[in-house]
Amino acid sequence: MDNDIAHIVKLCRLHNPKGQRALYSLFAAEMLGVCRRYAPDRATAEDLLQEGFIRVFAKLHNLREPQAAESWIYRIMVSTCVNYLNRQYRRYESVDDLPDTDSEPAFDADPFAAEELIKAIGTLTPGQRLVFNLREVEGYSFAEIAAMLAAPEGTVRSLLSRAKHSLRQQLSQNQ
């Protein structure tokens, strides 16, 4: 596989359409899952996936180790999603002013035991879902999240606290 990915990356750097299709098909499903964690709906997640891959192909010359392509692409996808959400948040005075949404959860039903948690996460407000994903799923520190969102660290902590409280309530009602 390492030789395959190195060959695919080499083709992509030469702007070869077959190489680009191969790289996309190799990682698109997994990266769509990343985008779905951040996006309010599937259509937005698909748009973010496309935007992310445009960035991947444009910056592929920066990839030093083709074997690290998956984690490199993953970071670009998370960055793309966070940038999108930051653009959305600029419409409001602060992250706390974001409107609540009653849209459907951002995840498809999942046959595993985590189905209820995934659905509950999908019902969080956009700000809560973003902070929850960045902190609990991606493992960023409060300071890093605050810098990404250009928000006070206290706001980030507050959003995470509200997200966890909401998740506890929802999950306790489902038992």
C-alpha atoms as a PDB file:
ATOM      1  CA  MET A   1       0.000   0.000   0.000  1.00  0.00           C
ATOM      2  CA  ASP A   2       2.855   2.414   0.812  1.00  0.00           C
ATOM      3  CA  ASN A   3       4.221   2.034  -2.714  1.00  0.00           C
ATOM      4  CA  ASP A   4       0.717   2.505  -4.098  1.00  0.00           C
ATOM      5  CA  ILE A   5       0.128   5.722  -2.176  1.00  0.00           C
ATOM      6  CA  ALA A   6       3.570   7.026  -3.116  1.00  0.00           C
ATOM      7  CA  HIS A   7       2.790   6.324  -6.775  1.00  0.00           C
ATOM      8  CA  ILE A   8      -0.659   7.959  -6.499  1.00  0.00           C
ATOM      9  CA  VAL A   9       0.831  11.056  -4.843  1.00  0.00           C
ATOM     10  CA  LYS A  10       3.479  11.231  -7.566  1.00  0.00           C
ATOM     11  CA  LEU A  11       0.746  11.128 -10.232  1.00  0.00           C
ATOM     12  CA  CYS A  12      -1.254  13.805  -8.420  1.00  0.00           C
ATOM     13  CA  ARG A  13       1.763  16.082  -8.248  1.00  0.00           C
ATOM     14  CA  LEU A  14       1.928  15.778 -12.037  1.00  0.00           C
ATOM     15  CA  HIS A  15      -1.765  16.808 -12.170  1.00  0.00           C
ATOM     16  CA  ASN A  16      -2.706  13.405 -13.561  1.00  0.00           C
ATOM     17  CA  PRO A  17      -6.518  13.002 -13.433  1.00  0.00           C
ATOM     18  CA  LYS A  18      -6.289   9.231 -12.859  1.00  0.00           C
ATOM     19  CA  GLY A  19      -4.012   9.802  -9.883  1.00  0.00           C
ATOM     20  CA  GLN A  20      -6.344  12.456  -8.502  1.00  0.00           C
ATOM     21  CA  ARG A  21      -9.346  10.129  -8.864  1.00  0.00           C
ATOM     22  CA  ALA A  22      -7.396   7.349  -7.152  1.00  0.00           C
ATOM     23  CA  LEU A  23      -6.429   9.574  -4.209  1.00  0.00           C
ATOM     24  CA  TYR A  24      -9.976  10.869  -3.908  1.00  0.00           C
ATOM     25  CA  SER A  25     -11.551   7.407  -4.011  1.00  0.00           C
ATOM     26  CA  LEU A  26      -9.009   6.112  -1.496  1.00  0.00           C
ATOM     27  CA  PHE A  27      -9.870   8.699   1.158  1.00  0.00           C
ATOM     28  CA  ALA A  28     -13.227  10.295   0.261  1.00  0.00           C
ATOM     29  CA  ALA A  29     -15.489   8.046   2.354  1.00  0.00           C
ATOM     30  CA  GLU A  30     -13.439   8.462   5.517  1.00  0.00           C
ATOM     31  CA  MET A  31     -13.012  12.205   5.020  1.00  0.00           C
ATOM     32  CA  LEU A  32     -16.732  12.633   4.381  1.00  0.00           C
ATOM     33  CA  GLY A  33     -17.228  11.177   7.857  1.00  0.00           C
ATOM     34  CA  VAL A  34     -14.902  13.843   9.240  1.00  0.00           C
ATOM     35  CA  CYS A  35     -16.838  16.573   7.434  1.00  0.00           C
ATOM     36  CA  ARG A  36     -20.175  15.161   8.629  1.00  0.00           C
ATOM     37  CA  ARG A  37     -19.100  15.644  12.258  1.00  0.00           C
ATOM     38  CA  TYR A  38     -18.804  19.376  11.663  1.00  0.00           C
ATOM     39  CA  ALA A  39     -21.422  20.130   9.031  1.00  0.00           C
ATOM     40  CA  PRO A  40     -25.078  20.776   9.820  1.00  0.00           C
ATOM     41  CA  ASP A  41     -26.235  18.493   6.983  1.00  0.00           C
ATOM     42  CA  ARG A  42     -24.969  16.032   4.387  1.00  0.00           C
ATOM     43  CA  ALA A  43     -24.994  18.509   1.486  1.00  0.00           C
ATOM     44  CA  THR A  44     -22.757  20.927   3.383  1.00  0.00           C
ATOM     45  CA  ALA A  45     -20.464  18.046   4.369  1.00  0.00           C
ATOM     46  CA  GLU A  46     -20.140  17.045   0.721  1.00  0.00           C
ATOM     47  CA  ASP A  47     -19.323  20.642  -0.218  1.00  0.00           C
ATOM     48  CA  LEU A  48     -16.678  20.749   2.511  1.00  0.00           C
ATOM     49  CA  LEU A  49     -15.239  17.471   1.267  1.00  0.00           C
ATOM     50  CA  GLN A  50     -14.884  18.914  -2.231  1.00  0.00           C
ATOM     51  CA  GLU A  51     -13.368  22.135  -0.914  1.00  0.00           C
ATOM     52  CA  GLY A  52     -10.979  20.094   1.219  1.00  0.00           C
ATOM     53  CA  PHE A  53      -9.821  17.986  -1.709  1.00  0.00           C
ATOM     54  CA  ILE A  54      -9.264  21.107  -3.802  1.00  0.00           C
ATOM     55  CA  ARG A  55      -6.949  22.289  -1.024  1.00  0.00           C
ATOM     56  CA  VAL A  56      -5.301  18.850  -0.883  1.00  0.00           C
ATOM     57  CA  PHE A  57      -4.498  18.881  -4.596  1.00  0.00           C
ATOM     58  CA  ALA A  58      -3.322  22.498  -4.473  1.00  0.00           C
ATOM     59  CA  LYS A  59      -0.985  21.839  -1.537  1.00  0.00           C
ATOM     60  CA  LEU A  60       0.172  18.332  -2.386  1.00  0.00           C
ATOM     61  CA  HIS A  61       3.653  19.648  -3.128  1.00  0.00           C
ATOM     62  CA  ASN A  62       3.956  20.338   0.647  1.00  0.00           C
ATOM     63  CA  LEU A  63       3.466  16.667   1.570  1.00  0.00           C
ATOM     64  CA  ARG A  64       6.907  15.392   2.497  1.00  0.00           C
ATOM     65  CA  GLU A  65       6.091  11.734   3.208  1.00  0.00           C
ATOM     66  CA  PRO A  66       3.477  10.161   0.924  1.00  0.00           C
ATOM     67  CA  GLN A  67       2.940   7.433   3.547  1.00  0.00           C
ATOM     68  CA  ALA A  68       1.571  10.144   5.858  1.00  0.00           C
ATOM     69  CA  ALA A  69      -1.004  11.235   3.276  1.00  0.00           C
ATOM     70  CA  GLU A  70      -4.003  10.052   5.291  1.00  0.00           C
ATOM     71  CA  SER A  71      -3.200  12.060   8.414  1.00  0.00           C
ATOM     72  CA  TRP A  72      -2.145  15.043   6.289  1.00  0.00           C
ATOM     73  CA  ILE A  73      -5.448  14.971   4.376  1.00  0.00           C
ATOM     74  CA  TYR A  74      -7.330  14.513   7.667  1.00  0.00           C
ATOM     75  CA  ARG A  75      -5.792  17.705   9.077  1.00  0.00           C
ATOM     76  CA  ILE A  76      -6.697  19.615   5.914  1.00  0.00           C
ATOM     77  CA  MET A  77     -10.311  18.400   6.155  1.00  0.00           C
ATOM     78  CA  VAL A  78     -10.613  19.463   9.802  1.00  0.00           C
ATOM     79  CA  SER A  79      -9.056  22.823   8.942  1.00  0.00           C
ATOM     80  CA  THR A  80     -11.460  23.249   6.014  1.00  0.00           C
ATOM     81  CA  CYS A  81     -14.445  22.535   8.269  1.00  0.00           C
ATOM     82  CA  VAL A  82     -13.253  24.877  11.006  1.00  0.00           C
ATOM     83  CA  ASN A  83     -12.612  27.644   8.451  1.00  0.00           C
ATOM     84  CA  TYR A  84     -16.115  27.169   7.048  1.00  0.00           C
ATOM     85  CA  LEU A  85     -17.654  27.371  10.507  1.00  0.00           C
ATOM     86  CA  ASN A  86     -15.573  30.438  11.342  1.00  0.00           C
ATOM     87  CA  ARG A  87     -16.930  32.137   8.214  1.00  0.00           C
ATOM     88  CA  GLN A  88     -20.447  31.267   9.366  1.00  0.00           C
ATOM     89  CA  TYR A  89     -19.778  32.575  12.881  1.00  0.00           C
ATOM     90  CA  ARG A  90     -18.510  35.937  11.669  1.00  0.00           C
ATOM     91  CA  ARG A  91     -22.141  36.845  11.078  1.00  0.00           C
ATOM     92  CA  TYR A  92     -22.682  36.929  14.830  1.00  0.00           C
ATOM     93  CA  GLU A  93     -21.243  38.997  17.653  1.00  0.00           C
ATOM     94  CA  SER A  94     -19.877  35.897  19.399  1.00  0.00           C
ATOM     95  CA  VAL A  95     -20.075  32.125  19.240  1.00  0.00           C
ATOM     96  CA  ASP A  96     -22.721  32.287  21.999  1.00  0.00           C
ATOM     97  CA  ASP A  97     -25.032  34.253  19.695  1.00  0.00           C
ATOM     98  CA  LEU A  98     -25.327  31.412  17.203  1.00  0.00           C
ATOM     99  CA  PRO A  99     -28.909  30.390  16.591  1.00  0.00           C
ATOM    100  CA  ASP A 100     -30.169  27.035  17.804  1.00  0.00           C
ATOM    101  CA  THR A 101     -30.994  24.669  14.983  1.00  0.00           C
ATOM    102  CA  ASP A 102     -33.606  21.985  14.898  1.00  0.00           C
ATOM    103  CA  SER A 103     -32.137  20.395  11.782  1.00  0.00           C
ATOM    104  CA  GLU A 104     -31.697  16.664  11.504  1.00  0.00           C
ATOM    105  CA  PRO A 105     -28.566  15.186  13.079  1.00  0.00           C
ATOM    106  CA  ALA A 106     -25.390  15.459  11.016  1.00  0.00           C
ATOM    107  CA  PHE A 107     -24.843  11.691  11.116  1.00  0.00           C
ATOM    108  CA  ASP A 108     -26.569   8.808   9.437  1.00  0.00           C
ATOM    109  CA  ALA A 109     -28.018   6.134  11.687  1.00  0.00           C
ATOM    110  CA  ASP A 110     -25.268   3.775  12.758  1.00  0.00           C
ATOM    111  CA  PRO A 111     -25.820   0.135  13.762  1.00  0.00           C
ATOM    112  CA  PHE A 112     -23.260   0.288  16.558  1.00  0.00           C
ATOM    113  CA  ALA A 113     -23.930   0.979  20.236  1.00  0.00           C
ATOM    114  CA  ALA A 114     -22.890   4.618  19.776  1.00  0.00           C
ATOM    115  CA  GLU A 115     -25.957   5.361  17.625  1.00  0.00           C
ATOM    116  CA  GLU A 116     -27.743   7.257  20.384  1.00  0.00           C
ATOM    117  CA  LEU A 117     -24.660   9.350  21.152  1.00  0.00           C
ATOM    118  CA  ILE A 118     -24.146  10.187  17.491  1.00  0.00           C
ATOM    119  CA  LYS A 119     -27.762  11.287  17.150  1.00  0.00           C
ATOM    120  CA  ALA A 120     -27.512  13.336  20.333  1.00  0.00           C
ATOM    121  CA  ILE A 121     -24.350  15.084  19.112  1.00  0.00           C
ATOM    122  CA  GLY A 122     -26.158  15.909  15.887  1.00  0.00           C
ATOM    123  CA  THR A 123     -28.833  17.800  17.822  1.00  0.00           C
ATOM    124  CA  LEU A 124     -26.376  20.157  19.554  1.00  0.00           C
ATOM    125  CA  THR A 125     -26.256  23.766  18.433  1.00  0.00           C
ATOM    126  CA  PRO A 126     -23.594  24.399  15.774  1.00  0.00           C
ATOM    127  CA  GLY A 127     -21.257  26.065  18.269  1.00  0.00           C
ATOM    128  CA  GLN A 128     -21.653  23.309  20.831  1.00  0.00           C
ATOM    129  CA  ARG A 129     -21.156  20.596  18.203  1.00  0.00           C
ATOM    130  CA  LEU A 130     -18.033  22.314  16.870  1.00  0.00           C
ATOM    131  CA  VAL A 131     -16.424  22.723  20.280  1.00  0.00           C
ATOM    132  CA  PHE A 132     -17.432  19.210  21.363  1.00  0.00           C
ATOM    133  CA  ASN A 133     -15.875  17.694  18.216  1.00  0.00           C
ATOM    134  CA  LEU A 134     -12.695  19.742  18.452  1.00  0.00           C
ATOM    135  CA  ARG A 135     -12.173  18.979  22.143  1.00  0.00           C
ATOM    136  CA  GLU A 136     -13.551  15.476  22.675  1.00  0.00           C
ATOM    137  CA  VAL A 137     -13.031  13.915  19.231  1.00  0.00           C
ATOM    138  CA  GLU A 138     -10.014  15.759  17.805  1.00  0.00           C
ATOM    139  CA  GLY A 139      -8.302  16.339  21.171  1.00  0.00           C
ATOM    140  CA  TYR A 140      -7.505  20.044  20.799  1.00  0.00           C
ATOM    141  CA  SER A 141      -6.823  22.062  23.952  1.00  0.00           C
ATOM    142  CA  PHE A 142      -9.147  24.854  25.046  1.00  0.00           C
ATOM    143  CA  ALA A 143      -6.517  27.417  24.062  1.00  0.00           C
ATOM    144  CA  GLU A 144      -6.143  25.917  20.578  1.00  0.00           C
ATOM    145  CA  ILE A 145      -9.908  25.886  20.037  1.00  0.00           C
ATOM    146  CA  ALA A 146     -10.218  29.470  21.263  1.00  0.00           C
ATOM    147  CA  ALA A 147      -7.511  30.514  18.790  1.00  0.00           C
ATOM    148  CA  MET A 148      -9.233  28.666  15.917  1.00  0.00           C
ATOM    149  CA  LEU A 149     -12.568  30.299  16.675  1.00  0.00           C
ATOM    150  CA  ALA A 150     -11.159  33.693  17.642  1.00  0.00           C
ATOM    151  CA  ALA A 151     -13.231  33.406  20.811  1.00  0.00           C
ATOM    152  CA  PRO A 152     -12.358  33.718  24.486  1.00  0.00           C
ATOM    153  CA  GLU A 153     -11.278  30.497  26.150  1.00  0.00           C
ATOM    154  CA  GLY A 154     -14.103  30.931  28.651  1.00  0.00           C
ATOM    155  CA  THR A 155     -16.629  30.863  25.820  1.00  0.00           C
ATOM    156  CA  VAL A 156     -15.128  27.616  24.542  1.00  0.00           C
ATOM    157  CA  ARG A 157     -15.305  26.063  28.013  1.00  0.00           C
ATOM    158  CA  SER A 158     -18.887  27.257  28.398  1.00  0.00           C
ATOM    159  CA  LEU A 159     -19.949  25.797  25.044  1.00  0.00           C
ATOM    160  CA  LEU A 160     -18.351  22.463  25.914  1.00  0.00           C
ATOM    161  CA  SER A 161     -20.047  22.444  29.301  1.00  0.00           C
ATOM    162  CA  ARG A 162     -23.434  23.172  27.725  1.00  0.00           C
ATOM    163  CA  ALA A 163     -22.836  20.489  25.076  1.00  0.00           C
ATOM    164  CA  LYS A 164     -22.018  17.862  27.702  1.00  0.00           C
ATOM    165  CA  HIS A 165     -25.006  18.898  29.822  1.00  0.00           C
ATOM    166  CA  SER A 166     -27.306  18.644  26.805  1.00  0.00           C
ATOM    167  CA  LEU A 167     -25.880  15.247  25.862  1.00  0.00           C
ATOM    168  CA  ARG A 168     -26.349  13.929  29.412  1.00  0.00           C
ATOM    169  CA  GLN A 169     -29.977  15.088  29.410  1.00  0.00           C
ATOM    170  CA  GLN A 170     -30.742  13.586  26.022  1.00  0.00           C
ATOM    171  CA  LEU A 171     -29.073  10.281  26.766  1.00  0.00           C
ATOM    172  CA  SER A 172     -30.716   9.944  30.181  1.00  0.00           C
ATOM    173  CA  GLN A 173     -34.141  10.511  28.584  1.00  0.00           C
ATOM    174  CA  ASN A 174     -33.482   7.722  26.078  1.00  0.00           C
ATOM    175  CA  GLN A 175     -32.795   5.129  28.771  1.00  0.00           C
END
